Amino acid sequence: MKIIVDRQVCAGHALCAAKAPDVYQLDDEGYCCSNGATVPPHLHEQARLGARHCPEAAILLVDDEDAP
């Protein structure tokens, strides 16, 4: 699974990292900087939880075979 973050949409609420700190990283300004990161299988559910809590729906999770 890969993380795709639309940086144009991310508003820096940091709820992704609050809900899934082992998956999502933030930059110095509080915006998600996990774009393109690969999520190990044992953290897939945590990745989904963090993505679901994004108020702007700026996070897309794609299966490895569908990743760009």
Protein backbone atom coordinates (compact mmCIF):
# COMPACT_ATOMS: atom_id res chain seq x y z
CA MET A 1 0.00 0.00 0.00
CA LYS A 2 1.23 3.49 -0.88
CA ILE A 3 0.15 6.87 0.45
CA ILE A 4 -0.78 9.60 -2.02
CA VAL A 5 -1.26 13.06 -0.46
CA ASP A 6 -2.77 15.92 -2.43
CA ARG A 7 -0.64 18.77 -1.06
CA GLN A 8 -2.95 21.31 -2.72
CA VAL A 9 -5.83 20.03 -0.57
CA CYS A 10 -4.06 19.25 2.72
CA ALA A 11 -4.89 22.00 5.23
CA GLY A 12 -2.52 20.90 7.98
CA HIS A 13 -5.07 19.72 10.54
CA ALA A 14 -2.67 16.84 11.36
CA LEU A 15 -5.49 14.43 12.21
CA CYS A 16 -3.86 11.76 10.06
CA ALA A 17 -0.74 11.80 12.24
CA ALA A 18 -2.80 12.07 15.44
CA LYS A 19 -4.74 8.92 14.55
CA ALA A 20 -1.88 7.02 12.91
CA PRO A 21 1.46 8.36 14.18
CA ASP A 22 3.37 5.29 12.98
CA VAL A 23 2.21 5.92 9.40
CA TYR A 24 1.88 9.65 8.75
CA GLN A 25 4.67 12.18 9.14
CA LEU A 26 4.27 15.95 9.24
CA ASP A 27 6.56 18.67 7.94
CA ASP A 28 7.68 21.63 10.06
CA GLU A 29 4.45 23.48 9.25
CA GLY A 30 2.17 20.59 10.24
CA TYR A 31 1.29 19.35 6.75
CA CYS A 32 1.36 15.67 5.85
CA CYS A 33 4.62 14.82 4.07
CA SER A 34 4.07 11.08 3.65
CA ASN A 35 3.34 11.32 -0.08
CA GLY A 36 4.69 8.25 -1.86
CA ALA A 37 5.49 6.36 1.34
CA THR A 38 4.99 2.62 1.39
CA VAL A 39 2.95 1.28 4.30
CA PRO A 40 3.99 -2.13 5.64
CA PRO A 41 1.16 -4.67 5.89
CA HIS A 42 0.97 -4.57 9.69
CA LEU A 43 0.15 -0.82 9.53
CA HIS A 44 -2.51 -0.94 6.78
CA GLU A 45 -5.43 -0.55 9.19
CA GLN A 46 -3.73 2.36 10.94
CA ALA A 47 -3.14 3.99 7.53
CA ARG A 48 -6.84 3.63 6.69
CA LEU A 49 -7.82 5.14 10.04
CA GLY A 50 -5.61 8.18 9.50
CA ALA A 51 -6.88 8.68 5.95
CA ARG A 52 -10.53 8.46 7.09
CA HIS A 53 -9.94 11.24 9.61
CA CYS A 54 -8.60 13.73 7.06
CA PRO A 55 -11.28 16.49 6.91
CA GLU A 56 -10.28 17.42 3.35
CA ALA A 57 -9.97 13.81 2.08
CA ALA A 58 -6.46 14.73 0.89
CA ILE A 59 -5.10 11.20 1.43
CA LEU A 60 -5.52 8.37 -1.03
CA LEU A 61 -4.30 4.87 -0.25
CA VAL A 62 -3.49 2.68 -3.25
CA ASP A 63 -2.48 -0.93 -3.50
CA ASP A 64 1.15 -1.41 -4.49
CA GLU A 65 0.22 -2.80 -7.90
CA ASP A 66 -1.96 0.28 -8.59
CA ALA A 67 0.58 2.83 -7.35
CA PRO A 68 2.07 5.27 -9.84
